[in-house]
PDB file of N, CA and C in Angstrom:
ATOM      1  N   MET A   1      21.217 -44.024 -48.477  1.00  0.00           N
ATOM      2  CA  MET A   1      21.663 -42.848 -49.184  1.00  0.00           C
ATOM      3  C   MET A   1      20.753 -42.669 -50.402  1.00  0.00           C
ATOM      4  N   VAL A   2      20.343 -41.451 -50.644  1.00  0.00           N
ATOM      5  CA  VAL A   2      19.559 -41.160 -51.833  1.00  0.00           C
ATOM      6  C   VAL A   2      20.536 -40.856 -52.957  1.00  0.00           C
ATOM      7  N   ARG A   3      20.348 -41.546 -54.068  1.00  0.00           N
ATOM      8  CA  ARG A   3      21.214 -41.383 -55.240  1.00  0.00           C
ATOM      9  C   ARG A   3      20.344 -41.072 -56.452  1.00  0.00           C
ATOM     10  N   ILE A   4      20.955 -40.646 -57.525  1.00  0.00           N
ATOM     11  CA  ILE A   4      20.249 -40.416 -58.778  1.00  0.00           C
ATOM     12  C   ILE A   4      20.725 -41.457 -59.780  1.00  0.00           C
ATOM     13  N   LEU A   5      19.759 -42.201 -60.327  1.00  0.00           N
ATOM     14  CA  LEU A   5      20.027 -43.225 -61.329  1.00  0.00           C
ATOM     15  C   LEU A   5      19.587 -42.686 -62.681  1.00  0.00           C
ATOM     16  N   LEU A   6      20.474 -42.672 -63.649  1.00  0.00           N
ATOM     17  CA  LEU A   6      20.143 -42.195 -64.982  1.00  0.00           C
ATOM     18  C   LEU A   6      19.537 -43.329 -65.788  1.00  0.00           C
ATOM     19  N   LYS A   7      18.297 -43.129 -66.252  1.00  0.00           N
ATOM     20  CA  LYS A   7      17.599 -44.090 -67.110  1.00  0.00           C
ATOM     21  C   LYS A   7      17.200 -43.359 -68.373  1.00  0.00           C
ATOM     22  N   GLY A   8      17.983 -43.572 -69.440  1.00  0.00           N
ATOM     23  CA  GLY A   8      17.750 -42.806 -70.656  1.00  0.00           C
ATOM     24  C   GLY A   8      18.008 -41.341 -70.357  1.00  0.00           C
ATOM     25  N   ALA A   9      17.005 -40.500 -70.600  1.00  0.00           N
ATOM     26  CA  ALA A   9      17.135 -39.072 -70.319  1.00  0.00           C
ATOM     27  C   ALA A   9      16.599 -38.704 -68.942  1.00  0.00           C
ATOM     28  N   ASP A  10      16.099 -39.686 -68.205  1.00  0.00           N
ATOM     29  CA  ASP A  10      15.475 -39.418 -66.916  1.00  0.00           C
ATOM     30  C   ASP A  10      16.453 -39.591 -65.758  1.00  0.00           C
ATOM     31  N   ALA A  11      16.421 -38.650 -64.833  1.00  0.00           N
ATOM     32  CA  ALA A  11      17.188 -38.744 -63.592  1.00  0.00           C
ATOM     33  C   ALA A  11      16.225 -39.241 -62.519  1.00  0.00           C
ATOM     34  N   CYS A  12      16.425 -40.483 -62.066  1.00  0.00           N
ATOM     35  CA  CYS A  12      15.483 -41.140 -61.162  1.00  0.00           C
ATOM     36  C   CYS A  12      16.085 -41.278 -59.769  1.00  0.00           C
ATOM     37  N   PRO A  13      15.456 -40.670 -58.749  1.00  0.00           N
ATOM     38  CA  PRO A  13      15.970 -40.849 -57.391  1.00  0.00           C
ATOM     39  C   PRO A  13      15.721 -42.272 -56.900  1.00  0.00           C
ATOM     40  N   VAL A  14      16.734 -42.848 -56.283  1.00  0.00           N
ATOM     41  CA  VAL A  14      16.634 -44.187 -55.706  1.00  0.00           C
ATOM     42  C   VAL A  14      17.273 -44.153 -54.320  1.00  0.00           C
ATOM     43  N   ILE A  15      16.902 -45.114 -53.477  1.00  0.00           N
ATOM     44  CA  ILE A  15      17.526 -45.237 -52.163  1.00  0.00           C
ATOM     45  C   ILE A  15      18.469 -46.430 -52.215  1.00  0.00           C
ATOM     46  N   GLU A  16      19.702 -46.174 -51.833  1.00  0.00           N
ATOM     47  CA  GLU A  16      20.742 -47.199 -51.814  1.00  0.00           C
ATOM     48  C   GLU A  16      21.054 -47.526 -50.357  1.00  0.00           C
ATOM     49  N   CYS A  17      21.210 -48.786 -50.046  1.00  0.00           N
ATOM     50  CA  CYS A  17      21.545 -49.201 -48.684  1.00  0.00           C
ATOM     51  C   CYS A  17      22.890 -48.602 -48.282  1.00  0.00           C
ATOM     52  N   ASP A  18      22.915 -47.972 -47.115  1.00  0.00           N
ATOM     53  CA  ASP A  18      24.145 -47.343 -46.637  1.00  0.00           C
ATOM     54  C   ASP A  18      25.184 -48.352 -46.161  1.00  0.00           C
ATOM     55  N   VAL A  19      24.830 -49.630 -46.132  1.00  0.00           N
ATOM     56  CA  VAL A  19      25.787 -50.659 -45.716  1.00  0.00           C
ATOM     57  C   VAL A  19      26.295 -51.441 -46.934  1.00  0.00           C
ATOM     58  N   CYS A  20      25.380 -52.094 -47.650  1.00  0.00           N
ATOM     59  CA  CYS A  20      25.811 -52.963 -48.763  1.00  0.00           C
ATOM     60  C   CYS A  20      25.861 -52.241 -50.109  1.00  0.00           C
ATOM     61  N   ARG A  21      25.333 -51.018 -50.165  1.00  0.00           N
ATOM     62  CA  ARG A  21      25.344 -50.171 -51.359  1.00  0.00           C
ATOM     63  C   ARG A  21      24.441 -50.675 -52.490  1.00  0.00           C
ATOM     64  N   LEU A  22      23.621 -51.694 -52.230  1.00  0.00           N
ATOM     65  CA  LEU A  22      22.666 -52.164 -53.240  1.00  0.00           C
ATOM     66  C   LEU A  22      21.393 -51.338 -53.144  1.00  0.00           C
ATOM     67  N   PRO A  23      20.652 -51.217 -54.262  1.00  0.00           N
ATOM     68  CA  PRO A  23      19.420 -50.433 -54.211  1.00  0.00           C
ATOM     69  C   PRO A  23      18.375 -51.079 -53.305  1.00  0.00           C
ATOM     70  N   ILE A  24      17.609 -50.243 -52.633  1.00  0.00           N
ATOM     71  CA  ILE A  24      16.471 -50.710 -51.848  1.00  0.00           C
ATOM     72  C   ILE A  24      15.257 -50.597 -52.763  1.00  0.00           C
ATOM     73  N   THR A  25      14.705 -51.736 -53.116  1.00  0.00           N
ATOM     74  CA  THR A  25      13.602 -51.759 -54.078  1.00  0.00           C
ATOM     75  C   THR A  25      12.285 -52.186 -53.454  1.00  0.00           C
ATOM     76  N   ASP A  26      12.309 -52.589 -52.179  1.00  0.00           N
ATOM     77  CA  ASP A  26      11.092 -53.018 -51.493  1.00  0.00           C
ATOM     78  C   ASP A  26      11.103 -52.423 -50.087  1.00  0.00           C
ATOM     79  N   HIS A  27      10.209 -51.479 -49.843  1.00  0.00           N
ATOM     80  CA  HIS A  27      10.187 -50.801 -48.550  1.00  0.00           C
ATOM     81  C   HIS A  27       9.953 -51.768 -47.395  1.00  0.00           C
ATOM     82  N   LYS A  28       9.306 -52.917 -47.674  1.00  0.00           N
ATOM     83  CA  LYS A  28       9.029 -53.884 -46.606  1.00  0.00           C
ATOM     84  C   LYS A  28      10.295 -54.589 -46.129  1.00  0.00           C
ATOM     85  N   ASN A  29      11.364 -54.504 -46.906  1.00  0.00           N
ATOM     86  CA  ASN A  29      12.627 -55.152 -46.562  1.00  0.00           C
ATOM     87  C   ASN A  29      13.686 -54.131 -46.145  1.00  0.00           C
ATOM     88  N   ALA A  30      13.235 -52.963 -45.665  1.00  0.00           N
ATOM     89  CA  ALA A  30      14.199 -51.912 -45.345  1.00  0.00           C
ATOM     90  C   ALA A  30      13.750 -51.114 -44.123  1.00  0.00           C
ATOM     91  N   ASN A  31      14.728 -50.525 -43.465  1.00  0.00           N
ATOM     92  CA  ASN A  31      14.492 -49.674 -42.307  1.00  0.00           C
ATOM     93  C   ASN A  31      15.301 -48.395 -42.433  1.00  0.00           C
ATOM     94  N   ALA A  32      14.898 -47.406 -41.664  1.00  0.00           N
ATOM     95  CA  ALA A  32      15.729 -46.233 -41.430  1.00  0.00           C
ATOM     96  C   ALA A  32      16.312 -46.442 -40.037  1.00  0.00           C
ATOM     97  N   ALA A  33      17.612 -46.581 -39.959  1.00  0.00           N
ATOM     98  CA  ALA A  33      18.296 -46.755 -38.674  1.00  0.00           C
ATOM     99  C   ALA A  33      18.968 -45.437 -38.325  1.00  0.00           C
ATOM    100  N   TYR A  34      19.002 -45.134 -37.046  1.00  0.00           N
ATOM    101  CA  TYR A  34      19.593 -43.854 -36.666  1.00  0.00           C
ATOM    102  C   TYR A  34      20.251 -43.930 -35.303  1.00  0.00           C
ATOM    103  N   VAL A  35      21.241 -43.070 -35.152  1.00  0.00           N
ATOM    104  CA  VAL A  35      21.889 -42.890 -33.863  1.00  0.00           C
ATOM    105  C   VAL A  35      21.035 -41.877 -33.120  1.00  0.00           C
ATOM    106  N   HIS A  36      20.526 -42.285 -31.975  1.00  0.00           N
ATOM    107  CA  HIS A  36      19.594 -41.446 -31.228  1.00  0.00           C
ATOM    108  C   HIS A  36      20.264 -40.123 -30.851  1.00  0.00           C
ATOM    109  N   PRO A  37      19.589 -38.995 -31.112  1.00  0.00           N
ATOM    110  CA  PRO A  37      20.168 -37.694 -30.738  1.00  0.00           C
ATOM    111  C   PRO A  37      20.482 -37.639 -29.242  1.00  0.00           C
ATOM    112  N   SER A  38      21.525 -36.916 -28.890  1.00  0.00           N
ATOM    113  CA  SER A  38      21.997 -36.890 -27.501  1.00  0.00           C
ATOM    114  C   SER A  38      21.154 -36.011 -26.589  1.00  0.00           C
ATOM    115  N   SER A  39      20.498 -34.998 -27.143  1.00  0.00           N
ATOM    116  CA  SER A  39      19.685 -34.124 -26.295  1.00  0.00           C
ATOM    117  C   SER A  39      18.637 -33.403 -27.143  1.00  0.00           C
ATOM    118  N   GLU A  40      17.677 -32.831 -26.482  1.00  0.00           N
ATOM    119  CA  GLU A  40      16.592 -32.097 -27.124  1.00  0.00           C
ATOM    120  C   GLU A  40      17.145 -31.051 -28.090  1.00  0.00           C
ATOM    121  N   GLY A  41      16.590 -31.011 -29.288  1.00  0.00           N
ATOM    122  CA  GLY A  41      16.988 -30.007 -30.266  1.00  0.00           C
ATOM    123  C   GLY A  41      18.215 -30.365 -31.082  1.00  0.00           C
ATOM    124  N   THR A  42      18.834 -31.526 -30.814  1.00  0.00           N
ATOM    125  CA  THR A  42      19.996 -31.951 -31.604  1.00  0.00           C
ATOM    126  C   THR A  42      19.555 -33.014 -32.607  1.00  0.00           C
ATOM    127  N   THR A  43      20.400 -33.291 -33.543  1.00  0.00           N
ATOM    128  CA  THR A  43      20.094 -34.290 -34.564  1.00  0.00           C
ATOM    129  C   THR A  43      21.042 -35.471 -34.461  1.00  0.00           C
ATOM    130  N   GLY A  44      20.620 -36.599 -35.008  1.00  0.00           N
ATOM    131  CA  GLY A  44      21.450 -37.793 -35.080  1.00  0.00           C
ATOM    132  C   GLY A  44      21.515 -38.257 -36.528  1.00  0.00           C
ATOM    133  N   GLU A  45      22.542 -38.964 -36.861  1.00  0.00           N
ATOM    134  CA  GLU A  45      22.716 -39.440 -38.229  1.00  0.00           C
ATOM    135  C   GLU A  45      21.703 -40.545 -38.543  1.00  0.00           C
ATOM    136  N   CYS A  46      21.196 -40.555 -39.770  1.00  0.00           N
ATOM    137  CA  CYS A  46      20.203 -41.528 -40.212  1.00  0.00           C
ATOM    138  C   CYS A  46      20.737 -42.327 -41.398  1.00  0.00           C
ATOM    139  N   PHE A  47      20.416 -43.616 -41.434  1.00  0.00           N
ATOM    140  CA  PHE A  47      20.899 -44.511 -42.483  1.00  0.00           C
ATOM    141  C   PHE A  47      19.714 -45.281 -43.067  1.00  0.00           C
ATOM    142  N   HIS A  48      19.706 -45.451 -44.359  1.00  0.00           N
ATOM    143  CA  HIS A  48      18.707 -46.294 -45.023  1.00  0.00           C
ATOM    144  C   HIS A  48      19.375 -47.643 -45.271  1.00  0.00           C
ATOM    145  N   ILE A  49      18.761 -48.707 -44.736  1.00  0.00           N
ATOM    146  CA  ILE A  49      19.416 -50.017 -44.804  1.00  0.00           C
ATOM    147  C   ILE A  49      18.417 -51.127 -45.097  1.00  0.00           C
ATOM    148  N   HIS A  50      18.931 -52.210 -45.696  1.00  0.00           N
ATOM    149  CA  HIS A  50      18.154 -53.444 -45.789  1.00  0.00           C
ATOM    150  C   HIS A  50      18.044 -54.030 -44.388  1.00  0.00           C
ATOM    151  N   LYS A  51      16.971 -54.713 -44.114  1.00  0.00           N
ATOM    152  CA  LYS A  51      16.785 -55.291 -42.783  1.00  0.00           C
ATOM    153  C   LYS A  51      17.936 -56.219 -42.394  1.00  0.00           C
ATOM    154  N   GLY A  52      18.512 -56.916 -43.331  1.00  0.00           N
ATOM    155  CA  GLY A  52      19.611 -57.825 -43.036  1.00  0.00           C
ATOM    156  C   GLY A  52      20.955 -57.146 -42.816  1.00  0.00           C
ATOM    157  N   CYS A  53      21.017 -55.840 -43.004  1.00  0.00           N
ATOM    158  CA  CYS A  53      22.287 -55.118 -42.869  1.00  0.00           C
ATOM    159  C   CYS A  53      22.409 -54.384 -41.528  1.00  0.00           C
ATOM    160  N   ASP A  54      21.431 -54.553 -40.641  1.00  0.00           N
ATOM    161  CA  ASP A  54      21.422 -53.792 -39.389  1.00  0.00           C
ATOM    162  C   ASP A  54      22.602 -54.119 -38.472  1.00  0.00           C
ATOM    163  N   GLN A  55      22.957 -55.389 -38.345  1.00  0.00           N
ATOM    164  CA  GLN A  55      24.069 -55.769 -37.465  1.00  0.00           C
ATOM    165  C   GLN A  55      25.386 -55.196 -37.985  1.00  0.00           C
ATOM    166  N   LYS A  56      25.587 -55.261 -39.291  1.00  0.00           N
ATOM    167  CA  LYS A  56      26.824 -54.706 -39.864  1.00  0.00           C
ATOM    168  C   LYS A  56      26.913 -53.201 -39.612  1.00  0.00           C
ATOM    169  N   LEU A  57      25.770 -52.509 -39.680  1.00  0.00           N
ATOM    170  CA  LEU A  57      25.777 -51.071 -39.413  1.00  0.00           C
ATOM    171  C   LEU A  57      26.177 -50.801 -37.965  1.00  0.00           C
ATOM    172  N   ARG A  58      25.592 -51.534 -37.011  1.00  0.00           N
ATOM    173  CA  ARG A  58      25.936 -51.339 -35.599  1.00  0.00           C
ATOM    174  C   ARG A  58      27.417 -51.630 -35.350  1.00  0.00           C
ATOM    175  N   GLU A  59      27.942 -52.667 -35.987  1.00  0.00           N
ATOM    176  CA  GLU A  59      29.364 -52.990 -35.834  1.00  0.00           C
ATOM    177  C   GLU A  59      30.233 -51.874 -36.404  1.00  0.00           C
ATOM    178  N   ARG A  60      29.850 -51.354 -37.548  1.00  0.00           N
ATOM    179  CA  ARG A  60      30.625 -50.289 -38.188  1.00  0.00           C
ATOM    180  C   ARG A  60      30.619 -49.013 -37.343  1.00  0.00           C
ATOM    181  N   LEU A  61      29.451 -48.688 -36.767  1.00  0.00           N
ATOM    182  CA  LEU A  61      29.336 -47.466 -35.972  1.00  0.00           C
ATOM    183  C   LEU A  61      29.874 -47.630 -34.560  1.00  0.00           C
ATOM    184  N   GLY A  62      29.813 -48.850 -34.039  1.00  0.00           N
ATOM    185  CA  GLY A  62      30.251 -49.103 -32.671  1.00  0.00           C
ATOM    186  C   GLY A  62      29.277 -48.608 -31.618  1.00  0.00           C
ATOM    187  N   VAL A  63      28.036 -48.355 -32.028  1.00  0.00           N
ATOM    188  CA  VAL A  63      26.995 -47.911 -31.094  1.00  0.00           C
ATOM    189  C   VAL A  63      25.689 -48.604 -31.440  1.00  0.00           C
ATOM    190  N   GLN A  64      24.787 -48.603 -30.480  1.00  0.00           N
ATOM    191  CA  GLN A  64      23.453 -49.144 -30.710  1.00  0.00           C
ATOM    192  C   GLN A  64      22.657 -48.146 -31.551  1.00  0.00           C
ATOM    193  N   THR A  65      21.823 -48.648 -32.427  1.00  0.00           N
ATOM    194  CA  THR A  65      20.989 -47.771 -33.246  1.00  0.00           C
ATOM    195  C   THR A  65      19.517 -48.024 -32.937  1.00  0.00           C
ATOM    196  N   SER A  66      18.718 -47.017 -33.181  1.00  0.00           N
ATOM    197  CA  SER A  66      17.274 -47.151 -33.160  1.00  0.00           C
ATOM    198  C   SER A  66      16.829 -47.275 -34.609  1.00  0.00           C
ATOM    199  N   TRP A  67      15.569 -47.641 -34.815  1.00  0.00           N
ATOM    200  CA  TRP A  67      15.121 -47.800 -36.198  1.00  0.00           C
ATOM    201  C   TRP A  67      13.617 -47.587 -36.290  1.00  0.00           C
ATOM    202  N   GLN A  68      13.185 -47.374 -37.537  1.00  0.00           N
ATOM    203  CA  GLN A  68      11.765 -47.369 -37.853  1.00  0.00           C
ATOM    204  C   GLN A  68      11.627 -47.936 -39.263  1.00  0.00           C
ATOM    205  N   PRO A  69      10.480 -48.549 -39.572  1.00  0.00           N
ATOM    206  CA  PRO A  69      10.289 -49.076 -40.926  1.00  0.00           C
ATOM    207  C   PRO A  69      10.481 -47.962 -41.955  1.00  0.00           C
ATOM    208  N   LEU A  70      11.046 -48.303 -43.086  1.00  0.00           N
ATOM    209  CA  LEU A  70      11.304 -47.303 -44.121  1.00  0.00           C
ATOM    210  C   LEU A  70      10.018 -46.583 -44.525  1.00  0.00           C
ATOM    211  N   ARG A  71       8.925 -47.304 -44.614  1.00  0.00           N
ATOM    212  CA  ARG A  71       7.649 -46.687 -44.990  1.00  0.00           C
ATOM    213  C   ARG A  71       7.274 -45.569 -44.004  1.00  0.00           C
ATOM    214  N   THR A  72       7.364 -45.844 -42.717  1.00  0.00           N
ATOM    215  CA  THR A  72       7.047 -44.850 -41.692  1.00  0.00           C
ATOM    216  C   THR A  72       7.996 -43.667 -41.781  1.00  0.00           C
ATOM    217  N   HIS A  73       9.282 -43.953 -41.932  1.00  0.00           N
ATOM    218  CA  HIS A  73      10.304 -42.918 -42.045  1.00  0.00           C
ATOM    219  C   HIS A  73       9.999 -41.979 -43.208  1.00  0.00           C
ATOM    220  N   LEU A  74       9.656 -42.534 -44.361  1.00  0.00           N
ATOM    221  CA  LEU A  74       9.373 -41.708 -45.532  1.00  0.00           C
ATOM    222  C   LEU A  74       8.091 -40.895 -45.341  1.00  0.00           C
ATOM    223  N   GLN A  75       7.101 -41.476 -44.674  1.00  0.00           N
ATOM    224  CA  GLN A  75       5.874 -40.726 -44.388  1.00  0.00           C
ATOM    225  C   GLN A  75       6.184 -39.532 -43.494  1.00  0.00           C
ATOM    226  N   TYR A  76       6.932 -39.743 -42.411  1.00  0.00           N
ATOM    227  CA  TYR A  76       7.296 -38.640 -41.523  1.00  0.00           C
ATOM    228  C   TYR A  76       8.131 -37.595 -42.253  1.00  0.00           C
ATOM    229  N   LEU A  77       9.057 -38.059 -43.070  1.00  0.00           N
ATOM    230  CA  LEU A  77       9.933 -37.145 -43.796  1.00  0.00           C
ATOM    231  C   LEU A  77       9.133 -36.234 -44.725  1.00  0.00           C
ATOM    232  N   THR A  78       8.179 -36.796 -45.450  1.00  0.00           N
ATOM    233  CA  THR A  78       7.387 -35.955 -46.361  1.00  0.00           C
ATOM    234  C   THR A  78       6.573 -34.932 -45.578  1.00  0.00           C
ATOM    235  N   ILE A  79       6.023 -35.325 -44.447  1.00  0.00           N
ATOM    236  CA  ILE A  79       5.265 -34.378 -43.620  1.00  0.00           C
ATOM    237  C   ILE A  79       6.182 -33.296 -43.061  1.00  0.00           C
ATOM    238  N   ASN A  80       7.386 -33.677 -42.631  1.00  0.00           N
ATOM    239  CA  ASN A  80       8.322 -32.716 -42.038  1.00  0.00           C
ATOM    240  C   ASN A  80       8.853 -31.692 -43.030  1.00  0.00           C
ATOM    241  N   VAL A  81       8.730 -31.963 -44.325  1.00  0.00           N
ATOM    242  CA  VAL A  81       9.132 -30.975 -45.337  1.00  0.00           C
ATOM    243  C   VAL A  81       7.917 -30.291 -45.959  1.00  0.00           C
ATOM    244  N   GLY A  82       6.758 -30.487 -45.343  1.00  0.00           N
ATOM    245  CA  GLY A  82       5.550 -29.803 -45.801  1.00  0.00           C
ATOM    246  C   GLY A  82       4.819 -30.477 -46.938  1.00  0.00           C
ATOM    247  N   LEU A  83       5.208 -31.691 -47.271  1.00  0.00           N
ATOM    248  CA  LEU A  83       4.556 -32.423 -48.359  1.00  0.00           C
ATOM    249  C   LEU A  83       3.434 -33.268 -47.767  1.00  0.00           C
ATOM    250  N   THR A  84       2.381 -32.597 -47.360  1.00  0.00           N
ATOM    251  CA  THR A  84       1.232 -33.230 -46.723  1.00  0.00           C
ATOM    252  C   THR A  84       0.350 -33.886 -47.781  1.00  0.00           C
ATOM    253  N   PRO A  85      -0.583 -34.732 -47.375  1.00  0.00           N
ATOM    254  CA  PRO A  85      -1.522 -35.310 -48.346  1.00  0.00           C
ATOM    255  C   PRO A  85      -2.257 -34.231 -49.160  1.00  0.00           C
ATOM    256  N   ASP A  86      -2.642 -33.129 -48.501  1.00  0.00           N
ATOM    257  CA  ASP A  86      -3.306 -32.045 -49.231  1.00  0.00           C
ATOM    258  C   ASP A  86      -2.379 -31.424 -50.274  1.00  0.00           C
ATOM    259  N   ALA A  87      -1.112 -31.232 -49.912  1.00  0.00           N
ATOM    260  CA  ALA A  87      -0.148 -30.662 -50.864  1.00  0.00           C
ATOM    261  C   ALA A  87       0.059 -31.601 -52.051  1.00  0.00           C
ATOM    262  N   LEU A  88       0.101 -32.904 -51.792  1.00  0.00           N
ATOM    263  CA  LEU A  88       0.244 -33.872 -52.882  1.00  0.00           C
ATOM    264  C   LEU A  88      -0.955 -33.819 -53.813  1.00  0.00           C
ATOM    265  N   ARG A  89      -2.151 -33.722 -53.243  1.00  0.00           N
ATOM    266  CA  ARG A  89      -3.367 -33.625 -54.051  1.00  0.00           C
ATOM    267  C   ARG A  89      -3.352 -32.367 -54.906  1.00  0.00           C
ATOM    268  N   GLU A  90      -2.958 -31.243 -54.301  1.00  0.00           N
ATOM    269  CA  GLU A  90      -2.889 -29.988 -55.046  1.00  0.00           C
ATOM    270  C   GLU A  90      -1.899 -30.091 -56.192  1.00  0.00           C
ATOM    271  N   ASP A  91      -0.728 -30.692 -55.937  1.00  0.00           N
ATOM    272  CA  ASP A  91       0.273 -30.867 -56.997  1.00  0.00           C
ATOM    273  C   ASP A  91      -0.278 -31.718 -58.122  1.00  0.00           C
ATOM    274  N   SER A  92      -1.006 -32.777 -57.788  1.00  0.00           N
ATOM    275  CA  SER A  92      -1.592 -33.653 -58.799  1.00  0.00           C
ATOM    276  C   SER A  92      -2.615 -32.909 -59.641  1.00  0.00           C
ATOM    277  N   LEU A  93      -3.449 -32.108 -58.998  1.00  0.00           N
ATOM    278  CA  LEU A  93      -4.458 -31.330 -59.727  1.00  0.00           C
ATOM    279  C   LEU A  93      -3.795 -30.291 -60.613  1.00  0.00           C
ATOM    280  N   ASP A  94      -2.716 -29.646 -60.130  1.00  0.00           N
ATOM    281  CA  ASP A  94      -1.989 -28.659 -60.927  1.00  0.00           C
ATOM    282  C   ASP A  94      -1.400 -29.300 -62.185  1.00  0.00           C
ATOM    283  N   GLN A  95      -0.902 -30.525 -62.061  1.00  0.00           N
ATOM    284  CA  GLN A  95      -0.294 -31.210 -63.203  1.00  0.00           C
ATOM    285  C   GLN A  95      -1.335 -31.616 -64.233  1.00  0.00           C
ATOM    286  N   LEU A  96      -2.564 -31.842 -63.782  1.00  0.00           N
ATOM    287  CA  LEU A  96      -3.631 -32.204 -64.715  1.00  0.00           C
ATOM    288  C   LEU A  96      -4.113 -30.996 -65.510  1.00  0.00           C
ATOM    289  N   GLY A  97      -3.803 -29.812 -65.034  1.00  0.00           N
ATOM    290  CA  GLY A  97      -4.169 -28.597 -65.758  1.00  0.00           C
ATOM    291  C   GLY A  97      -5.430 -28.087 -65.270  1.00  0.00           C
TER     292      GLY A  97
END
C-alpha cells in the first residue's frame, strides 16, 4: 500500500507491506504479488509485500498469487503512466531552470 509519511513539513510517499504493515525500505526484499486477472482486459488486485510475507498473503486470500520483483513492478508502473526515461529527463531539466 502506498502511504504518505509526514516528515517535518514534507509529505513523503512510502510503500507499506500489505501483510505486516511495516514500511518497505529495500526493494531487493520486496515483491509485487497479484491475483492473476481472470480474462483479457480485466484487472487483478496487486499487493506490495516483503518477500517473507508471501505465504501469509496467500493464506489470507485463499488463492495462489503471481509475483514480480518490486523493482520490475515499479519500472513497469512508471512506464504505464507515461513516466518514461525521456519524461524523467525532461522533468529534471525543467527543474534545473
